[in-house]
Each structure stands twice: as C-alpha cells, then as structure tokens.
Amino acid sequence: MAVEFLGMLPLIAVVCVLLWQSALLGYTYIRAGNAADEGARQGAADAPDPGGRCKAAAEEDLGTWRPAQVDCGPASGGMYEAEVTLKVPVLFPGFVDFPFDVKGHAGAVAEGGAW
C-alpha cells in the first residue's frame, strides 16, 4: 500500500497545484473586476477631476496586489468607465507572473452629468 501511495503522490501533487492555480486565476479576475467597479464608481461621483479619484480608488481596492494598470475616463452617453489590468501570479502573488494579463472593466453613470 505504501508503494502504491508513493507512486500516486506526484499525480496527487500535480492535481492539487493545478486546482490551486485555477482558483488563483479566478480570484485574479474577481480582484480586477472589483477594482474596476470601485474605480468607475468613484470616478463617476467626482466630475471635476474624475481620473484622480478613479485610479486612487482602484489601487486602494487592490491593496498589495501589484503590478496593476488602471485606465479611467469618460465614455459616451454620460458614462464613466474604468479598466484594470492585472498579471496572473504563479502559485502565489509576488513570486512569478504568467505572461498574460487579466482585465476587469466597469462603467457607472456620471453623477456630475456628461463631460
């Protein structure tokens, strides 16, 4: 029985790592979308300088999850949009990143009216 377990141990370890990486990929999508939503909400509420509050709110929502690229700006129809781009980490944040990005996009109705 011990020999069978040692033979299966690498397969079990690979499956666990793949499950963890899949969960981390999904969590990265959630973090990017939530940060974009928070940035769009704050940017829509701040008509005089929408870009400043939007980017600050998105980065604050991300906390230590870096590197991030935040793009904010008004859109057509009185909307305000934010897009957050994150790198997908390998096994845990801050170690190594995959070579592809995850984008979160959100929009909110501009409270100060159309720009």
PDB file of N, CA and C in Angstrom:
ATOM      1  N   MET A   1       0.825  -1.185   0.000  1.00  0.00           N
ATOM      2  CA  MET A   1       0.000   0.000   0.000  1.00  0.00           C
ATOM      3  C   MET A   1       0.873   1.253   0.000  1.00  0.00           C
ATOM      4  N   ALA A   2       1.943   1.257   0.738  1.00  0.00           N
ATOM      5  CA  ALA A   2       2.837   2.412   0.789  1.00  0.00           C
ATOM      6  C   ALA A   2       3.477   2.667  -0.570  1.00  0.00           C
ATOM      7  N   VAL A   3       3.828   1.621  -1.283  1.00  0.00           N
ATOM      8  CA  VAL A   3       4.432   1.771  -2.604  1.00  0.00           C
ATOM      9  C   VAL A   3       3.414   2.367  -3.581  1.00  0.00           C
ATOM     10  N   GLU A   4       2.172   1.931  -3.509  1.00  0.00           N
ATOM     11  CA  GLU A   4       1.131   2.490  -4.369  1.00  0.00           C
ATOM     12  C   GLU A   4       0.910   3.967  -4.061  1.00  0.00           C
ATOM     13  N   PHE A   5       0.928   4.313  -2.781  1.00  0.00           N
ATOM     14  CA  PHE A   5       0.760   5.715  -2.399  1.00  0.00           C
ATOM     15  C   PHE A   5       1.914   6.565  -2.929  1.00  0.00           C
ATOM     16  N   LEU A   6       3.145   6.091  -2.800  1.00  0.00           N
ATOM     17  CA  LEU A   6       4.298   6.839  -3.312  1.00  0.00           C
ATOM     18  C   LEU A   6       4.247   6.976  -4.827  1.00  0.00           C
ATOM     19  N   GLY A   7       3.685   5.999  -5.494  1.00  0.00           N
ATOM     20  CA  GLY A   7       3.534   6.089  -6.940  1.00  0.00           C
ATOM     21  C   GLY A   7       2.480   7.106  -7.357  1.00  0.00           C
ATOM     22  N   MET A   8       1.456   7.246  -6.550  1.00  0.00           N
ATOM     23  CA  MET A   8       0.378   8.193  -6.858  1.00  0.00           C
ATOM     24  C   MET A   8       0.650   9.601  -6.342  1.00  0.00           C
ATOM     25  N   LEU A   9       1.594   9.754  -5.424  1.00  0.00           N
ATOM     26  CA  LEU A   9       1.866  11.052  -4.795  1.00  0.00           C
ATOM     27  C   LEU A   9       2.182  12.161  -5.806  1.00  0.00           C
ATOM     28  N   PRO A  10       3.018  11.941  -6.814  1.00  0.00           N
ATOM     29  CA  PRO A  10       3.260  13.014  -7.790  1.00  0.00           C
ATOM     30  C   PRO A  10       1.990  13.440  -8.535  1.00  0.00           C
ATOM     31  N   LEU A  11       1.156  12.493  -8.879  1.00  0.00           N
ATOM     32  CA  LEU A  11      -0.095  12.818  -9.567  1.00  0.00           C
ATOM     33  C   LEU A  11      -1.017  13.631  -8.661  1.00  0.00           C
ATOM     34  N   ILE A  12      -1.106  13.234  -7.415  1.00  0.00           N
ATOM     35  CA  ILE A  12      -1.933  13.972  -6.452  1.00  0.00           C
ATOM     36  C   ILE A  12      -1.399  15.392  -6.278  1.00  0.00           C
ATOM     37  N   ALA A  13      -0.080  15.535  -6.196  1.00  0.00           N
ATOM     38  CA  ALA A  13       0.523  16.865  -6.040  1.00  0.00           C
ATOM     39  C   ALA A  13       0.258  17.745  -7.259  1.00  0.00           C
ATOM     40  N   VAL A  14       0.370  17.189  -8.451  1.00  0.00           N
ATOM     41  CA  VAL A  14       0.115  17.956  -9.679  1.00  0.00           C
ATOM     42  C   VAL A  14      -1.335  18.395  -9.740  1.00  0.00           C
ATOM     43  N   VAL A  15      -2.252  17.526  -9.397  1.00  0.00           N
ATOM     44  CA  VAL A  15      -3.679  17.873  -9.400  1.00  0.00           C
ATOM     45  C   VAL A  15      -3.954  18.994  -8.397  1.00  0.00           C
ATOM     46  N   CYS A  16      -3.359  18.912  -7.219  1.00  0.00           N
ATOM     47  CA  CYS A  16      -3.558  19.963  -6.207  1.00  0.00           C
ATOM     48  C   CYS A  16      -3.011  21.303  -6.682  1.00  0.00           C
ATOM     49  N   VAL A  17      -1.835  21.297  -7.310  1.00  0.00           N
ATOM     50  CA  VAL A  17      -1.247  22.538  -7.826  1.00  0.00           C
ATOM     51  C   VAL A  17      -2.122  23.110  -8.936  1.00  0.00           C
ATOM     52  N   LEU A  18      -2.626  22.282  -9.837  1.00  0.00           N
ATOM     53  CA  LEU A  18      -3.496  22.767 -10.912  1.00  0.00           C
ATOM     54  C   LEU A  18      -4.807  23.336 -10.373  1.00  0.00           C
ATOM     55  N   LEU A  19      -5.370  22.698  -9.368  1.00  0.00           N
ATOM     56  CA  LEU A  19      -6.591  23.231  -8.755  1.00  0.00           C
ATOM     57  C   LEU A  19      -6.321  24.580  -8.089  1.00  0.00           C
ATOM     58  N   TRP A  20      -5.215  24.690  -7.385  1.00  0.00           N
ATOM     59  CA  TRP A  20      -4.855  25.959  -6.728  1.00  0.00           C
ATOM     60  C   TRP A  20      -4.636  27.053  -7.768  1.00  0.00           C
ATOM     61  N   GLN A  21      -3.942  26.738  -8.867  1.00  0.00           N
ATOM     62  CA  GLN A  21      -3.684  27.738  -9.896  1.00  0.00           C
ATOM     63  C   GLN A  21      -4.984  28.171 -10.563  1.00  0.00           C
ATOM     64  N   SER A  22      -5.902  27.254 -10.761  1.00  0.00           N
ATOM     65  CA  SER A  22      -7.208  27.614 -11.330  1.00  0.00           C
ATOM     66  C   SER A  22      -7.969  28.552 -10.403  1.00  0.00           C
ATOM     67  N   ALA A  23      -7.922  28.279  -9.120  1.00  0.00           N
ATOM     68  CA  ALA A  23      -8.575  29.162  -8.148  1.00  0.00           C
ATOM     69  C   ALA A  23      -7.918  30.533  -8.134  1.00  0.00           C
ATOM     70  N   LEU A  24      -6.612  30.582  -8.255  1.00  0.00           N
ATOM     71  CA  LEU A  24      -5.894  31.855  -8.265  1.00  0.00           C
ATOM     72  C   LEU A  24      -6.210  32.665  -9.519  1.00  0.00           C
ATOM     73  N   LEU A  25      -6.367  31.998 -10.641  1.00  0.00           N
ATOM     74  CA  LEU A  25      -6.762  32.681 -11.879  1.00  0.00           C
ATOM     75  C   LEU A  25      -8.148  33.299 -11.718  1.00  0.00           C
ATOM     76  N   GLY A  26      -9.083  32.535 -11.184  1.00  0.00           N
ATOM     77  CA  GLY A  26     -10.431  33.071 -10.948  1.00  0.00           C
ATOM     78  C   GLY A  26     -10.429  34.224  -9.967  1.00  0.00           C
ATOM     79  N   TYR A  27      -9.625  34.125  -8.925  1.00  0.00           N
ATOM     80  CA  TYR A  27      -9.542  35.195  -7.934  1.00  0.00           C
ATOM     81  C   TYR A  27      -8.942  36.461  -8.542  1.00  0.00           C
ATOM     82  N   THR A  28      -8.004  36.307  -9.477  1.00  0.00           N
ATOM     83  CA  THR A  28      -7.432  37.474 -10.155  1.00  0.00           C
ATOM     84  C   THR A  28      -8.494  38.182 -10.979  1.00  0.00           C
ATOM     85  N   TYR A  29      -9.342  37.423 -11.668  1.00  0.00           N
ATOM     86  CA  TYR A  29     -10.453  38.032 -12.412  1.00  0.00           C
ATOM     87  C   TYR A  29     -11.395  38.782 -11.465  1.00  0.00           C
ATOM     88  N   ILE A  30     -11.671  38.196 -10.323  1.00  0.00           N
ATOM     89  CA  ILE A  30     -12.555  38.850  -9.357  1.00  0.00           C
ATOM     90  C   ILE A  30     -11.936  40.139  -8.847  1.00  0.00           C
ATOM     91  N   ARG A  31     -10.648  40.109  -8.501  1.00  0.00           N
ATOM     92  CA  ARG A  31      -9.974  41.306  -7.995  1.00  0.00           C
ATOM     93  C   ARG A  31      -9.952  42.420  -9.036  1.00  0.00           C
ATOM     94  N   ALA A  32      -9.666  42.077 -10.303  1.00  0.00           N
ATOM     95  CA  ALA A  32      -9.621  43.084 -11.364  1.00  0.00           C
ATOM     96  C   ALA A  32     -10.997  43.695 -11.593  1.00  0.00           C
ATOM     97  N   GLY A  33     -12.028  42.884 -11.626  1.00  0.00           N
ATOM     98  CA  GLY A  33     -13.383  43.398 -11.828  1.00  0.00           C
ATOM     99  C   GLY A  33     -13.861  44.256 -10.678  1.00  0.00           C
ATOM    100  N   ASN A  34     -13.561  43.845  -9.460  1.00  0.00           N
ATOM    101  CA  ASN A  34     -13.977  44.618  -8.295  1.00  0.00           C
ATOM    102  C   ASN A  34     -13.252  45.961  -8.236  1.00  0.00           C
ATOM    103  N   ALA A  35     -11.955  45.959  -8.535  1.00  0.00           N
ATOM    104  CA  ALA A  35     -11.200  47.212  -8.523  1.00  0.00           C
ATOM    105  C   ALA A  35     -11.692  48.157  -9.617  1.00  0.00           C
ATOM    106  N   ALA A  36     -12.013  47.615 -10.795  1.00  0.00           N
ATOM    107  CA  ALA A  36     -12.547  48.451 -11.875  1.00  0.00           C
ATOM    108  C   ALA A  36     -13.903  49.021 -11.485  1.00  0.00           C
ATOM    109  N   ASP A  37     -14.738  48.236 -10.842  1.00  0.00           N
ATOM    110  CA  ASP A  37     -16.046  48.705 -10.398  1.00  0.00           C
ATOM    111  C   ASP A  37     -15.902  49.835  -9.375  1.00  0.00           C
ATOM    112  N   GLU A  38     -14.999  49.653  -8.436  1.00  0.00           N
ATOM    113  CA  GLU A  38     -14.780  50.688  -7.415  1.00  0.00           C
ATOM    114  C   GLU A  38     -14.232  51.960  -8.045  1.00  0.00           C
ATOM    115  N   GLY A  39     -13.301  51.816  -8.980  1.00  0.00           N
ATOM    116  CA  GLY A  39     -12.744  52.994  -9.655  1.00  0.00           C
ATOM    117  C   GLY A  39     -13.789  53.731 -10.479  1.00  0.00           C
ATOM    118  N   ALA A  40     -14.614  53.008 -11.215  1.00  0.00           N
ATOM    119  CA  ALA A  40     -15.659  53.639 -12.024  1.00  0.00           C
ATOM    120  C   ALA A  40     -16.670  54.354 -11.140  1.00  0.00           C
ATOM    121  N   ARG A  41     -17.012  53.746 -10.023  1.00  0.00           N
ATOM    122  CA  ARG A  41     -17.962  54.364  -9.102  1.00  0.00           C
ATOM    123  C   ARG A  41     -17.413  55.677  -8.542  1.00  0.00           C
ATOM    124  N   GLN A  42     -16.156  55.658  -8.113  1.00  0.00           N
ATOM    125  CA  GLN A  42     -15.556  56.876  -7.559  1.00  0.00           C
ATOM    126  C   GLN A  42     -15.335  57.930  -8.643  1.00  0.00           C
ATOM    127  N   GLY A  43     -14.929  57.507  -9.834  1.00  0.00           N
ATOM    128  CA  GLY A  43     -14.723  58.454 -10.928  1.00  0.00           C
ATOM    129  C   GLY A  43     -16.014  59.108 -11.381  1.00  0.00           C
ATOM    130  N   ALA A  44     -17.111  58.361 -11.388  1.00  0.00           N
ATOM    131  CA  ALA A  44     -18.402  58.911 -11.800  1.00  0.00           C
ATOM    132  C   ALA A  44     -18.928  59.918 -10.789  1.00  0.00           C
ATOM    133  N   ALA A  45     -18.530  59.774  -9.535  1.00  0.00           N
ATOM    134  CA  ALA A  45     -19.000  60.686  -8.496  1.00  0.00           C
ATOM    135  C   ALA A  45     -18.176  61.961  -8.431  1.00  0.00           C
ATOM    136  N   ASP A  46     -17.042  62.011  -9.101  1.00  0.00           N
ATOM    137  CA  ASP A  46     -16.128  63.147  -8.991  1.00  0.00           C
ATOM    138  C   ASP A  46     -15.955  63.800 -10.358  1.00  0.00           C
ATOM    139  N   ALA A  47     -16.873  64.679 -10.722  1.00  0.00           N
ATOM    140  CA  ALA A  47     -16.856  65.283 -12.049  1.00  0.00           C
ATOM    141  C   ALA A  47     -15.667  66.213 -12.317  1.00  0.00           C
ATOM    142  N   PRO A  48     -15.204  67.044 -11.389  1.00  0.00           N
ATOM    143  CA  PRO A  48     -14.111  67.947 -11.751  1.00  0.00           C
ATOM    144  C   PRO A  48     -12.798  67.233 -12.087  1.00  0.00           C
ATOM    145  N   ASP A  49     -12.411  66.235 -11.334  1.00  0.00           N
ATOM    146  CA  ASP A  49     -11.162  65.509 -11.577  1.00  0.00           C
ATOM    147  C   ASP A  49     -11.429  64.014 -11.481  1.00  0.00           C
ATOM    148  N   PRO A  50     -12.112  63.448 -12.480  1.00  0.00           N
ATOM    149  CA  PRO A  50     -12.520  62.051 -12.367  1.00  0.00           C
ATOM    150  C   PRO A  50     -11.356  61.071 -12.383  1.00  0.00           C
ATOM    151  N   GLY A  51     -10.297  61.383 -13.097  1.00  0.00           N
ATOM    152  CA  GLY A  51      -9.193  60.441 -13.208  1.00  0.00           C
ATOM    153  C   GLY A  51      -8.455  60.212 -11.907  1.00  0.00           C
ATOM    154  N   GLY A  52      -8.331  61.235 -11.076  1.00  0.00           N
ATOM    155  CA  GLY A  52      -7.583  61.104  -9.830  1.00  0.00           C
ATOM    156  C   GLY A  52      -8.239  60.166  -8.838  1.00  0.00           C
ATOM    157  N   ARG A  53      -9.508  60.369  -8.574  1.00  0.00           N
ATOM    158  CA  ARG A  53     -10.209  59.515  -7.600  1.00  0.00           C
ATOM    159  C   ARG A  53     -10.409  58.108  -8.126  1.00  0.00           C
ATOM    160  N   CYS A  54     -10.615  57.969  -9.412  1.00  0.00           N
ATOM    161  CA  CYS A  54     -10.829  56.652 -10.006  1.00  0.00           C
ATOM    162  C   CYS A  54      -9.603  55.769  -9.814  1.00  0.00           C
ATOM    163  N   LYS A  55      -8.458  56.283 -10.212  1.00  0.00           N
ATOM    164  CA  LYS A  55      -7.229  55.493 -10.111  1.00  0.00           C
ATOM    165  C   LYS A  55      -6.879  55.208  -8.655  1.00  0.00           C
ATOM    166  N   ALA A  56      -7.036  56.198  -7.789  1.00  0.00           N
ATOM    167  CA  ALA A  56      -6.726  56.004  -6.365  1.00  0.00           C
ATOM    168  C   ALA A  56      -7.644  54.955  -5.738  1.00  0.00           C
ATOM    169  N   ALA A  57      -8.931  55.000  -6.081  1.00  0.00           N
ATOM    170  CA  ALA A  57      -9.878  54.030  -5.511  1.00  0.00           C
ATOM    171  C   ALA A  57      -9.592  52.614  -6.004  1.00  0.00           C
ATOM    172  N   ALA A  58      -9.253  52.477  -7.281  1.00  0.00           N
ATOM    173  CA  ALA A  58      -8.951  51.144  -7.823  1.00  0.00           C
ATOM    174  C   ALA A  58      -7.683  50.585  -7.190  1.00  0.00           C
ATOM    175  N   GLU A  59      -6.658  51.403  -7.059  1.00  0.00           N
ATOM    176  CA  GLU A  59      -5.407  50.932  -6.455  1.00  0.00           C
ATOM    177  C   GLU A  59      -5.574  50.631  -4.972  1.00  0.00           C
ATOM    178  N   GLU A  60      -6.395  51.423  -4.299  1.00  0.00           N
ATOM    179  CA  GLU A  60      -6.654  51.151  -2.880  1.00  0.00           C
ATOM    180  C   GLU A  60      -7.405  49.829  -2.713  1.00  0.00           C
ATOM    181  N   ASP A  61      -8.332  49.557  -3.613  1.00  0.00           N
ATOM    182  CA  ASP A  61      -9.084  48.311  -3.542  1.00  0.00           C
ATOM    183  C   ASP A  61      -8.183  47.097  -3.788  1.00  0.00           C
ATOM    184  N   LEU A  62      -7.177  47.256  -4.636  1.00  0.00           N
ATOM    185  CA  LEU A  62      -6.262  46.153  -4.924  1.00  0.00           C
ATOM    186  C   LEU A  62      -5.302  45.872  -3.772  1.00  0.00           C
ATOM    187  N   GLY A  63      -5.006  46.877  -2.976  1.00  0.00           N
ATOM    188  CA  GLY A  63      -4.082  46.679  -1.858  1.00  0.00           C
ATOM    189  C   GLY A  63      -2.692  46.341  -2.348  1.00  0.00           C
ATOM    190  N   THR A  64      -2.176  45.199  -1.932  1.00  0.00           N
ATOM    191  CA  THR A  64      -0.818  44.814  -2.306  1.00  0.00           C
ATOM    192  C   THR A  64      -0.769  44.000  -3.592  1.00  0.00           C
ATOM    193  N   TRP A  65      -1.881  43.837  -4.262  1.00  0.00           N
ATOM    194  CA  TRP A  65      -1.939  43.053  -5.498  1.00  0.00           C
ATOM    195  C   TRP A  65      -1.368  43.895  -6.629  1.00  0.00           C
ATOM    196  N   ARG A  66      -0.109  43.749  -6.910  1.00  0.00           N
ATOM    197  CA  ARG A  66       0.585  44.542  -7.918  1.00  0.00           C
ATOM    198  C   ARG A  66       1.330  43.624  -8.866  1.00  0.00           C
ATOM    199  N   PRO A  67       1.742  44.014 -10.034  1.00  0.00           N
ATOM    200  CA  PRO A  67       1.542  45.295 -10.672  1.00  0.00           C
ATOM    201  C   PRO A  67       0.156  45.401 -11.295  1.00  0.00           C
ATOM    202  N   ALA A  68      -0.360  46.592 -11.314  1.00  0.00           N
ATOM    203  CA  ALA A  68      -1.680  46.836 -11.891  1.00  0.00           C
ATOM    204  C   ALA A  68      -1.610  48.059 -12.790  1.00  0.00           C
ATOM    205  N   GLN A  69      -2.401  48.029 -13.847  1.00  0.00           N
ATOM    206  CA  GLN A  69      -2.539  49.189 -14.718  1.00  0.00           C
ATOM    207  C   GLN A  69      -3.999  49.602 -14.661  1.00  0.00           C
ATOM    208  N   VAL A  70      -4.238  50.863 -14.324  1.00  0.00           N
ATOM    209  CA  VAL A  70      -5.598  51.379 -14.189  1.00  0.00           C
ATOM    210  C   VAL A  70      -5.802  52.474 -15.221  1.00  0.00           C
ATOM    211  N   ASP A  71      -6.821  52.314 -16.071  1.00  0.00           N
ATOM    212  CA  ASP A  71      -7.183  53.319 -17.065  1.00  0.00           C
ATOM    213  C   ASP A  71      -8.607  53.777 -16.782  1.00  0.00           C
ATOM    214  N   CYS A  72      -8.769  55.084 -16.621  1.00  0.00           N
ATOM    215  CA  CYS A  72     -10.080  55.651 -16.306  1.00  0.00           C
ATOM    216  C   CYS A  72     -10.409  56.748 -17.300  1.00  0.00           C
ATOM    217  N   GLY A  73     -11.689  56.950 -17.532  1.00  0.00           N
ATOM    218  CA  GLY A  73     -12.084  58.057 -18.392  1.00  0.00           C
ATOM    219  C   GLY A  73     -13.559  58.044 -18.700  1.00  0.00           C
ATOM    220  N   PRO A  74     -14.055  59.207 -19.129  1.00  0.00           N
ATOM    221  CA  PRO A  74     -15.462  59.292 -19.509  1.00  0.00           C
ATOM    222  C   PRO A  74     -15.716  58.536 -20.810  1.00  0.00           C
ATOM    223  N   ALA A  75     -16.920  58.034 -20.933  1.00  0.00           N
ATOM    224  CA  ALA A  75     -17.337  57.317 -22.136  1.00  0.00           C
ATOM    225  C   ALA A  75     -18.584  58.001 -22.690  1.00  0.00           C
ATOM    226  N   SER A  76     -19.070  57.531 -23.784  1.00  0.00           N
ATOM    227  CA  SER A  76     -20.234  58.154 -24.411  1.00  0.00           C
ATOM    228  C   SER A  76     -21.500  57.903 -23.596  1.00  0.00           C
ATOM    229  N   GLY A  77     -22.449  58.786 -23.758  1.00  0.00           N
ATOM    230  CA  GLY A  77     -23.750  58.614 -23.111  1.00  0.00           C
ATOM    231  C   GLY A  77     -23.752  58.933 -21.624  1.00  0.00           C
ATOM    232  N   GLY A  78     -22.841  59.777 -21.177  1.00  0.00           N
ATOM    233  CA  GLY A  78     -22.825  60.142 -19.760  1.00  0.00           C
ATOM    234  C   GLY A  78     -22.303  59.053 -18.847  1.00  0.00           C
ATOM    235  N   MET A  79     -21.559  58.116 -19.400  1.00  0.00           N
ATOM    236  CA  MET A  79     -20.992  57.035 -18.601  1.00  0.00           C
ATOM    237  C   MET A  79     -19.535  57.335 -18.264  1.00  0.00           C
ATOM    238  N   TYR A  80     -19.068  56.694 -17.222  1.00  0.00           N
ATOM    239  CA  TYR A  80     -17.661  56.776 -16.842  1.00  0.00           C
ATOM    240  C   TYR A  80     -17.147  55.342 -16.727  1.00  0.00           C
ATOM    241  N   GLU A  81     -16.005  55.059 -17.350  1.00  0.00           N
ATOM    242  CA  GLU A  81     -15.507  53.697 -17.393  1.00  0.00           C
ATOM    243  C   GLU A  81     -14.119  53.583 -16.772  1.00  0.00           C
ATOM    244  N   ALA A  82     -13.864  52.419 -16.225  1.00  0.00           N
ATOM    245  CA  ALA A  82     -12.548  52.103 -15.670  1.00  0.00           C
ATOM    246  C   ALA A  82     -12.158  50.704 -16.114  1.00  0.00           C
ATOM    247  N   GLU A  83     -10.875  50.532 -16.401  1.00  0.00           N
ATOM    248  CA  GLU A  83     -10.354  49.222 -16.781  1.00  0.00           C
ATOM    249  C   GLU A  83      -9.089  48.953 -15.975  1.00  0.00           C
ATOM    250  N   VAL A  84      -9.052  47.802 -15.332  1.00  0.00           N
ATOM    251  CA  VAL A  84      -7.912  47.399 -14.510  1.00  0.00           C
ATOM    252  C   VAL A  84      -7.292  46.164 -15.133  1.00  0.00           C
ATOM    253  N   THR A  85      -5.984  46.215 -15.333  1.00  0.00           N
ATOM    254  CA  THR A  85      -5.243  45.097 -15.911  1.00  0.00           C
ATOM    255  C   THR A  85      -4.285  44.547 -14.860  1.00  0.00           C
ATOM    256  N   LEU A  86      -4.374  43.241 -14.607  1.00  0.00           N
ATOM    257  CA  LEU A  86      -3.527  42.579 -13.616  1.00  0.00           C
ATOM    258  C   LEU A  86      -2.769  41.423 -14.252  1.00  0.00           C
ATOM    259  N   LYS A  87      -1.618  41.118 -13.695  1.00  0.00           N
ATOM    260  CA  LYS A  87      -0.872  39.925 -14.072  1.00  0.00           C
ATOM    261  C   LYS A  87      -1.377  38.755 -13.229  1.00  0.00           C
ATOM    262  N   VAL A  88      -1.408  37.573 -13.809  1.00  0.00           N
ATOM    263  CA  VAL A  88      -1.829  36.369 -13.086  1.00  0.00           C
ATOM    264  C   VAL A  88      -0.598  35.748 -12.431  1.00  0.00           C
ATOM    265  N   PRO A  89      -0.589  35.648 -11.102  1.00  0.00           N
ATOM    266  CA  PRO A  89       0.581  35.072 -10.435  1.00  0.00           C
ATOM    267  C   PRO A  89       0.637  33.553 -10.569  1.00  0.00           C
ATOM    268  N   VAL A  90       1.843  33.029 -10.441  1.00  0.00           N
ATOM    269  CA  VAL A  90       2.060  31.584 -10.446  1.00  0.00           C
ATOM    270  C   VAL A  90       2.192  31.133  -8.992  1.00  0.00           C
ATOM    271  N   LEU A  91       1.289  30.309  -8.542  1.00  0.00           N
ATOM    272  CA  LEU A  91       1.220  29.712  -7.203  1.00  0.00           C
ATOM    273  C   LEU A  91       0.894  30.692  -6.086  1.00  0.00           C
ATOM    274  N   PHE A  92       1.523  31.853  -6.008  1.00  0.00           N
ATOM    275  CA  PHE A  92       1.134  32.857  -5.014  1.00  0.00           C
ATOM    276  C   PHE A  92       1.577  34.236  -5.494  1.00  0.00           C
ATOM    277  N   PRO A  93       0.839  35.290  -5.133  1.00  0.00           N
ATOM    278  CA  PRO A  93       1.148  36.644  -5.595  1.00  0.00           C
ATOM    279  C   PRO A  93       2.531  37.102  -5.121  1.00  0.00           C
ATOM    280  N   GLY A  94       3.223  37.799  -6.013  1.00  0.00           N
ATOM    281  CA  GLY A  94       4.520  38.354  -5.680  1.00  0.00           C
ATOM    282  C   GLY A  94       5.689  37.462  -6.035  1.00  0.00           C
ATOM    283  N   PHE A  95       5.431  36.291  -6.604  1.00  0.00           N
ATOM    284  CA  PHE A  95       6.507  35.356  -6.926  1.00  0.00           C
ATOM    285  C   PHE A  95       6.883  35.502  -8.405  1.00  0.00           C
ATOM    286  N   VAL A  96       6.171  34.854  -9.276  1.00  0.00           N
ATOM    287  CA  VAL A  96       6.366  34.911 -10.724  1.00  0.00           C
ATOM    288  C   VAL A  96       4.994  35.064 -11.348  1.00  0.00           C
ATOM    289  N   ASP A  97       4.927  35.787 -12.463  1.00  0.00           N
ATOM    290  CA  ASP A  97       3.649  36.006 -13.138  1.00  0.00           C
ATOM    291  C   ASP A  97       3.613  35.268 -14.475  1.00  0.00           C
ATOM    292  N   PHE A  98       2.408  34.861 -14.860  1.00  0.00           N
ATOM    293  CA  PHE A  98       2.212  34.307 -16.190  1.00  0.00           C
ATOM    294  C   PHE A  98       2.366  35.425 -17.212  1.00  0.00           C
ATOM    295  N   PRO A  99       2.670  35.110 -18.465  1.00  0.00           N
ATOM    296  CA  PRO A  99       2.882  36.162 -19.472  1.00  0.00           C
ATOM    297  C   PRO A  99       1.593  36.740 -20.054  1.00  0.00           C
ATOM    298  N   PHE A 100       0.453  36.482 -19.454  1.00  0.00           N
ATOM    299  CA  PHE A 100      -0.790  37.075 -19.960  1.00  0.00           C
ATOM    300  C   PHE A 100      -1.456  37.888 -18.854  1.00  0.00           C
ATOM    301  N   ASP A 101      -2.316  38.805 -19.295  1.00  0.00           N
ATOM    302  CA  ASP A 101      -2.983  39.731 -18.378  1.00  0.00           C
ATOM    303  C   ASP A 101      -4.452  39.380 -18.233  1.00  0.00           C
ATOM    304  N   VAL A 102      -5.003  39.821 -17.112  1.00  0.00           N
ATOM    305  CA  VAL A 102      -6.433  39.700 -16.835  1.00  0.00           C
ATOM    306  C   VAL A 102      -6.981  41.116 -16.768  1.00  0.00           C
ATOM    307  N   LYS A 103      -8.091  41.361 -17.458  1.00  0.00           N
ATOM    308  CA  LYS A 103      -8.675  42.704 -17.474  1.00  0.00           C
ATOM    309  C   LYS A 103     -10.042  42.699 -16.816  1.00  0.00           C
ATOM    310  N   GLY A 104     -10.261  43.719 -16.006  1.00  0.00           N
ATOM    311  CA  GLY A 104     -11.567  43.954 -15.423  1.00  0.00           C
ATOM    312  C   GLY A 104     -12.088  45.279 -15.949  1.00  0.00           C
ATOM    313  N   HIS A 105     -13.310  45.313 -16.377  1.00  0.00           N
ATOM    314  CA  HIS A 105     -13.887  46.518 -16.976  1.00  0.00           C
ATOM    315  C   HIS A 105     -15.203  46.829 -16.281  1.00  0.00           C
ATOM    316  N   ALA A 106     -15.412  48.118 -15.981  1.00  0.00           N
ATOM    317  CA  ALA A 106     -16.664  48.520 -15.334  1.00  0.00           C
ATOM    318  C   ALA A 106     -17.054  49.917 -15.798  1.00  0.00           C
ATOM    319  N   GLY A 107     -18.322  50.205 -15.690  1.00  0.00           N
ATOM    320  CA  GLY A 107     -18.850  51.518 -16.042  1.00  0.00           C
ATOM    321  C   GLY A 107     -19.895  51.949 -15.029  1.00  0.00           C
ATOM    322  N   ALA A 108     -20.027  53.264 -14.908  1.00  0.00           N
ATOM    323  CA  ALA A 108     -21.024  53.833 -13.996  1.00  0.00           C
ATOM    324  C   ALA A 108     -21.567  55.120 -14.623  1.00  0.00           C
ATOM    325  N   VAL A 109     -22.778  55.452 -14.288  1.00  0.00           N
ATOM    326  CA  VAL A 109     -23.387  56.676 -14.799  1.00  0.00           C
ATOM    327  C   VAL A 109     -22.745  57.866 -14.096  1.00  0.00           C
ATOM    328  N   ALA A 110     -22.284  58.838 -14.880  1.00  0.00           N
ATOM    329  CA  ALA A 110     -21.612  60.017 -14.328  1.00  0.00           C
ATOM    330  C   ALA A 110     -22.623  60.848 -13.545  1.00  0.00           C
ATOM    331  N   GLU A 111     -22.354  61.053 -12.261  1.00  0.00           N
ATOM    332  CA  GLU A 111     -23.285  61.791 -11.411  1.00  0.00           C
ATOM    333  C   GLU A 111     -23.213  63.286 -11.668  1.00  0.00           C
ATOM    334  N   GLY A 112     -22.076  63.764 -12.148  1.00  0.00           N
ATOM    335  CA  GLY A 112     -21.925  65.183 -12.421  1.00  0.00           C
ATOM    336  C   GLY A 112     -22.445  65.573 -13.792  1.00  0.00           C
ATOM    337  N   GLY A 113     -23.065  64.653 -14.481  1.00  0.00           N
ATOM    338  CA  GLY A 113     -23.552  64.909 -15.828  1.00  0.00           C
ATOM    339  C   GLY A 113     -22.516  64.499 -16.847  1.00  0.00           C
ATOM    340  N   ALA A 114     -22.825  64.665 -18.108  1.00  0.00           N
ATOM    341  CA  ALA A 114     -21.896  64.302 -19.160  1.00  0.00           C
ATOM    342  C   ALA A 114     -20.770  65.332 -19.223  1.00  0.00           C
ATOM    343  N   TRP A 115     -19.583  64.862 -19.534  1.00  0.00           N
ATOM    344  CA  TRP A 115     -18.445  65.786 -19.594  1.00  0.00           C
ATOM    345  C   TRP A 115     -18.362  66.351 -20.959  1.00  0.00           C
TER     346      TRP A 115
END
